[in-house]
Each structure stands twice: as structure tokens, then as C-alpha cells.
Amino acid sequence: MSVNSTKNQLSFLASFVASYQHYIQGKITNPAALDKDYEQIDPDDLDEMDIQW
């Protein structure tokens, strides 16, 4: 295993751990990204989900 490969894998692992910690703590790093997700939801679909629950 090369040094560069090991560095890449450790970097990936570190970013995964940081993301998991933020998830557990309830921190959102980019709230604008969530807004874009919510804008894609059709209000009729939300009503349908409420009815089903």
C-alpha cells in the first residue's frame, strides 16, 4: 500500500467521522442545501403523507 493511498484513505475516514459527529450533534453545515431539498417536495405529496400516517 502506497503512502498516497494511505493518506487518501485516512482523509476519507476523517471526513466520515466528522460528518457522523455533526449528524449526532444535530449540526447542519449547509442549511441552504436543506432548503433546496424541501423546495423539491410537492405540497400535495406532503398532504398525502399526512393522510397515510
PDB file of N, CA and C in Angstrom:
ATOM      1  N   MET A   1       0.857  -1.164   0.000  1.00  0.00           N
ATOM      2  CA  MET A   1       0.000   0.000   0.000  1.00  0.00           C
ATOM      3  C   MET A   1       0.910   1.236   0.000  1.00  0.00           C
ATOM      4  N   SER A   2       0.622   2.152  -0.889  1.00  0.00           N
ATOM      5  CA  SER A   2       1.461   3.337  -1.008  1.00  0.00           C
ATOM      6  C   SER A   2       1.099   4.376   0.044  1.00  0.00           C
ATOM      7  N   VAL A   3       2.000   5.312   0.233  1.00  0.00           N
ATOM      8  CA  VAL A   3       1.782   6.379   1.212  1.00  0.00           C
ATOM      9  C   VAL A   3       0.610   7.251   0.770  1.00  0.00           C
ATOM     10  N   ASN A   4       0.524   7.563  -0.518  1.00  0.00           N
ATOM     11  CA  ASN A   4      -0.576   8.395  -1.013  1.00  0.00           C
ATOM     12  C   ASN A   4      -1.922   7.701  -0.834  1.00  0.00           C
ATOM     13  N   SER A   5      -1.954   6.424  -1.078  1.00  0.00           N
ATOM     14  CA  SER A   5      -3.191   5.667  -0.901  1.00  0.00           C
ATOM     15  C   SER A   5      -3.621   5.677   0.564  1.00  0.00           C
ATOM     16  N   THR A   6      -2.660   5.507   1.447  1.00  0.00           N
ATOM     17  CA  THR A   6      -2.957   5.522   2.870  1.00  0.00           C
ATOM     18  C   THR A   6      -3.458   6.896   3.304  1.00  0.00           C
ATOM     19  N   LYS A   7      -2.831   7.960   2.799  1.00  0.00           N
ATOM     20  CA  LYS A   7      -3.274   9.318   3.124  1.00  0.00           C
ATOM     21  C   LYS A   7      -4.694   9.556   2.641  1.00  0.00           C
ATOM     22  N   ASN A   8      -5.002   9.086   1.432  1.00  0.00           N
ATOM     23  CA  ASN A   8      -6.353   9.261   0.893  1.00  0.00           C
ATOM     24  C   ASN A   8      -7.382   8.522   1.738  1.00  0.00           C
ATOM     25  N   GLN A   9      -7.048   7.317   2.147  1.00  0.00           N
ATOM     26  CA  GLN A   9      -7.986   6.537   2.955  1.00  0.00           C
ATOM     27  C   GLN A   9      -8.190   7.167   4.332  1.00  0.00           C
ATOM     28  N   LEU A  10      -7.120   7.666   4.925  1.00  0.00           N
ATOM     29  CA  LEU A  10      -7.245   8.320   6.227  1.00  0.00           C
ATOM     30  C   LEU A  10      -8.021   9.625   6.117  1.00  0.00           C
ATOM     31  N   SER A  11      -7.828  10.334   5.036  1.00  0.00           N
ATOM     32  CA  SER A  11      -8.584  11.570   4.815  1.00  0.00           C
ATOM     33  C   SER A  11     -10.071  11.267   4.684  1.00  0.00           C
ATOM     34  N   PHE A  12     -10.403  10.224   3.935  1.00  0.00           N
ATOM     35  CA  PHE A  12     -11.795   9.818   3.786  1.00  0.00           C
ATOM     36  C   PHE A  12     -12.385   9.414   5.134  1.00  0.00           C
ATOM     37  N   LEU A  13     -11.642   8.655   5.894  1.00  0.00           N
ATOM     38  CA  LEU A  13     -12.114   8.215   7.205  1.00  0.00           C
ATOM     39  C   LEU A  13     -12.338   9.410   8.135  1.00  0.00           C
ATOM     40  N   ALA A  14     -11.424  10.369   8.106  1.00  0.00           N
ATOM     41  CA  ALA A  14     -11.561  11.556   8.953  1.00  0.00           C
ATOM     42  C   ALA A  14     -12.796  12.358   8.568  1.00  0.00           C
ATOM     43  N   SER A  15     -13.064  12.502   7.273  1.00  0.00           N
ATOM     44  CA  SER A  15     -14.251  13.255   6.853  1.00  0.00           C
ATOM     45  C   SER A  15     -15.522  12.503   7.226  1.00  0.00           C
ATOM     46  N   PHE A  16     -15.501  11.182   7.149  1.00  0.00           N
ATOM     47  CA  PHE A  16     -16.655  10.386   7.550  1.00  0.00           C
ATOM     48  C   PHE A  16     -16.942  10.550   9.039  1.00  0.00           C
ATOM     49  N   VAL A  17     -15.898  10.488   9.855  1.00  0.00           N
ATOM     50  CA  VAL A  17     -16.064  10.631  11.304  1.00  0.00           C
ATOM     51  C   VAL A  17     -16.591  12.026  11.640  1.00  0.00           C
ATOM     52  N   ALA A  18     -16.065  13.052  10.980  1.00  0.00           N
ATOM     53  CA  ALA A  18     -16.531  14.416  11.235  1.00  0.00           C
ATOM     54  C   ALA A  18     -18.001  14.561  10.839  1.00  0.00           C
ATOM     55  N   SER A  19     -18.376  13.991   9.707  1.00  0.00           N
ATOM     56  CA  SER A  19     -19.772  14.064   9.270  1.00  0.00           C
ATOM     57  C   SER A  19     -20.688  13.352  10.255  1.00  0.00           C
ATOM     58  N   TYR A  20     -20.270  12.207  10.728  1.00  0.00           N
ATOM     59  CA  TYR A  20     -21.063  11.453  11.691  1.00  0.00           C
ATOM     60  C   TYR A  20     -21.228  12.232  12.989  1.00  0.00           C
ATOM     61  N   GLN A  21     -20.153  12.862  13.443  1.00  0.00           N
ATOM     62  CA  GLN A  21     -20.233  13.648  14.676  1.00  0.00           C
ATOM     63  C   GLN A  21     -21.195  14.819  14.509  1.00  0.00           C
ATOM     64  N   HIS A  22     -21.149  15.477  13.373  1.00  0.00           N
ATOM     65  CA  HIS A  22     -22.079  16.582  13.130  1.00  0.00           C
ATOM     66  C   HIS A  22     -23.519  16.073  13.078  1.00  0.00           C
ATOM     67  N   TYR A  23     -23.705  14.913  12.496  1.00  0.00           N
ATOM     68  CA  TYR A  23     -25.040  14.324  12.431  1.00  0.00           C
ATOM     69  C   TYR A  23     -25.565  14.037  13.834  1.00  0.00           C
ATOM     70  N   ILE A  24     -24.743  13.441  14.654  1.00  0.00           N
ATOM     71  CA  ILE A  24     -25.138  13.098  16.020  1.00  0.00           C
ATOM     72  C   ILE A  24     -25.431  14.363  16.830  1.00  0.00           C
ATOM     73  N   GLN A  25     -24.651  15.402  16.630  1.00  0.00           N
ATOM     74  CA  GLN A  25     -24.825  16.640  17.374  1.00  0.00           C
ATOM     75  C   GLN A  25     -25.964  17.485  16.815  1.00  0.00           C
ATOM     76  N   GLY A  26     -26.493  17.092  15.682  1.00  0.00           N
ATOM     77  CA  GLY A  26     -27.597  17.836  15.103  1.00  0.00           C
ATOM     78  C   GLY A  26     -27.164  19.092  14.374  1.00  0.00           C
ATOM     79  N   LYS A  27     -25.906  19.169  14.053  1.00  0.00           N
ATOM     80  CA  LYS A  27     -25.410  20.341  13.348  1.00  0.00           C
ATOM     81  C   LYS A  27     -25.572  20.149  11.849  1.00  0.00           C
ATOM     82  N   ILE A  28     -26.011  21.194  11.203  1.00  0.00           N
ATOM     83  CA  ILE A  28     -26.143  21.165   9.751  1.00  0.00           C
ATOM     84  C   ILE A  28     -25.136  22.158   9.203  1.00  0.00           C
ATOM     85  N   THR A  29     -24.238  21.675   8.371  1.00  0.00           N
ATOM     86  CA  THR A  29     -23.172  22.538   7.891  1.00  0.00           C
ATOM     87  C   THR A  29     -23.638  23.490   6.797  1.00  0.00           C
ATOM     88  N   ASN A  30     -24.651  23.117   6.043  1.00  0.00           N
ATOM     89  CA  ASN A  30     -25.116  23.974   4.966  1.00  0.00           C
ATOM     90  C   ASN A  30     -26.638  23.974   4.939  1.00  0.00           C
ATOM     91  N   PRO A  31     -27.288  24.837   5.709  1.00  0.00           N
ATOM     92  CA  PRO A  31     -28.750  24.851   5.756  1.00  0.00           C
ATOM     93  C   PRO A  31     -29.385  25.166   4.403  1.00  0.00           C
ATOM     94  N   ALA A  32     -28.677  25.888   3.536  1.00  0.00           N
ATOM     95  CA  ALA A  32     -29.224  26.204   2.215  1.00  0.00           C
ATOM     96  C   ALA A  32     -29.438  24.930   1.407  1.00  0.00           C
ATOM     97  N   ALA A  33     -28.610  23.929   1.620  1.00  0.00           N
ATOM     98  CA  ALA A  33     -28.774  22.666   0.901  1.00  0.00           C
ATOM     99  C   ALA A  33     -30.094  22.004   1.300  1.00  0.00           C
ATOM    100  N   LEU A  34     -30.461  22.091   2.574  1.00  0.00           N
ATOM    101  CA  LEU A  34     -31.735  21.523   3.007  1.00  0.00           C
ATOM    102  C   LEU A  34     -32.908  22.288   2.417  1.00  0.00           C
ATOM    103  N   ASP A  35     -32.780  23.603   2.329  1.00  0.00           N
ATOM    104  CA  ASP A  35     -33.849  24.404   1.747  1.00  0.00           C
ATOM    105  C   ASP A  35     -34.126  23.971   0.319  1.00  0.00           C
ATOM    106  N   LYS A  36     -33.078  23.697  -0.434  1.00  0.00           N
ATOM    107  CA  LYS A  36     -33.255  23.245  -1.817  1.00  0.00           C
ATOM    108  C   LYS A  36     -33.974  21.903  -1.850  1.00  0.00           C
ATOM    109  N   ASP A  37     -33.655  21.025  -0.900  1.00  0.00           N
ATOM    110  CA  ASP A  37     -34.328  19.724  -0.840  1.00  0.00           C
ATOM    111  C   ASP A  37     -35.813  19.901  -0.542  1.00  0.00           C
ATOM    112  N   TYR A  38     -36.129  20.767   0.402  1.00  0.00           N
ATOM    113  CA  TYR A  38     -37.524  20.977   0.775  1.00  0.00           C
ATOM    114  C   TYR A  38     -38.314  21.642  -0.342  1.00  0.00           C
ATOM    115  N   GLU A  39     -37.655  22.471  -1.138  1.00  0.00           N
ATOM    116  CA  GLU A  39     -38.344  23.137  -2.242  1.00  0.00           C
ATOM    117  C   GLU A  39     -38.782  22.138  -3.309  1.00  0.00           C
ATOM    118  N   GLN A  40     -38.141  20.993  -3.367  1.00  0.00           N
ATOM    119  CA  GLN A  40     -38.465  19.989  -4.375  1.00  0.00           C
ATOM    120  C   GLN A  40     -39.671  19.138  -3.987  1.00  0.00           C
ATOM    121  N   ILE A  41     -40.128  19.255  -2.772  1.00  0.00           N
ATOM    122  CA  ILE A  41     -41.250  18.446  -2.304  1.00  0.00           C
ATOM    123  C   ILE A  41     -42.551  19.144  -2.682  1.00  0.00           C
ATOM    124  N   ASP A  42     -43.407  18.421  -3.330  1.00  0.00           N
ATOM    125  CA  ASP A  42     -44.711  18.958  -3.727  1.00  0.00           C
ATOM    126  C   ASP A  42     -45.621  18.992  -2.496  1.00  0.00           C
ATOM    127  N   PRO A  43     -46.279  20.121  -2.234  1.00  0.00           N
ATOM    128  CA  PRO A  43     -47.167  20.213  -1.063  1.00  0.00           C
ATOM    129  C   PRO A  43     -48.267  19.146  -1.064  1.00  0.00           C
ATOM    130  N   ASP A  44     -48.742  18.753  -2.248  1.00  0.00           N
ATOM    131  CA  ASP A  44     -49.755  17.692  -2.308  1.00  0.00           C
ATOM    132  C   ASP A  44     -49.199  16.368  -1.806  1.00  0.00           C
ATOM    133  N   ASP A  45     -47.913  16.129  -2.074  1.00  0.00           N
ATOM    134  CA  ASP A  45     -47.290  14.909  -1.574  1.00  0.00           C
ATOM    135  C   ASP A  45     -47.223  14.929  -0.048  1.00  0.00           C
ATOM    136  N   LEU A  46     -46.958  16.092   0.528  1.00  0.00           N
ATOM    137  CA  LEU A  46     -46.931  16.191   1.990  1.00  0.00           C
ATOM    138  C   LEU A  46     -48.297  15.903   2.589  1.00  0.00           C
ATOM    139  N   ASP A  47     -49.347  16.452   1.949  1.00  0.00           N
ATOM    140  CA  ASP A  47     -50.697  16.176   2.429  1.00  0.00           C
ATOM    141  C   ASP A  47     -51.005  14.697   2.345  1.00  0.00           C
ATOM    142  N   GLU A  48     -50.589  14.051   1.267  1.00  0.00           N
ATOM    143  CA  GLU A  48     -50.828  12.625   1.106  1.00  0.00           C
ATOM    144  C   GLU A  48     -50.103  11.820   2.175  1.00  0.00           C
ATOM    145  N   MET A  49     -48.869  12.213   2.499  1.00  0.00           N
ATOM    146  CA  MET A  49     -48.120  11.518   3.534  1.00  0.00           C
ATOM    147  C   MET A  49     -48.800  11.695   4.887  1.00  0.00           C
ATOM    148  N   ASP A  50     -49.316  12.901   5.155  1.00  0.00           N
ATOM    149  CA  ASP A  50     -50.014  13.135   6.416  1.00  0.00           C
ATOM    150  C   ASP A  50     -51.266  12.260   6.525  1.00  0.00           C
ATOM    151  N   ILE A  51     -51.977  12.116   5.442  1.00  0.00           N
ATOM    152  CA  ILE A  51     -53.184  11.297   5.445  1.00  0.00           C
ATOM    153  C   ILE A  51     -52.831   9.831   5.709  1.00  0.00           C
ATOM    154  N   GLN A  52     -51.761   9.365   5.098  1.00  0.00           N
ATOM    155  CA  GLN A  52     -51.362   7.970   5.256  1.00  0.00           C
ATOM    156  C   GLN A  52     -50.905   7.664   6.673  1.00  0.00           C
ATOM    157  N   TRP A  53     -50.292   8.626   7.335  1.00  0.00           N
ATOM    158  CA  TRP A  53     -49.827   8.393   8.694  1.00  0.00           C
ATOM    159  C   TRP A  53     -50.986   8.473   9.644  1.00  0.00           C
TER     160      TRP A  53
END
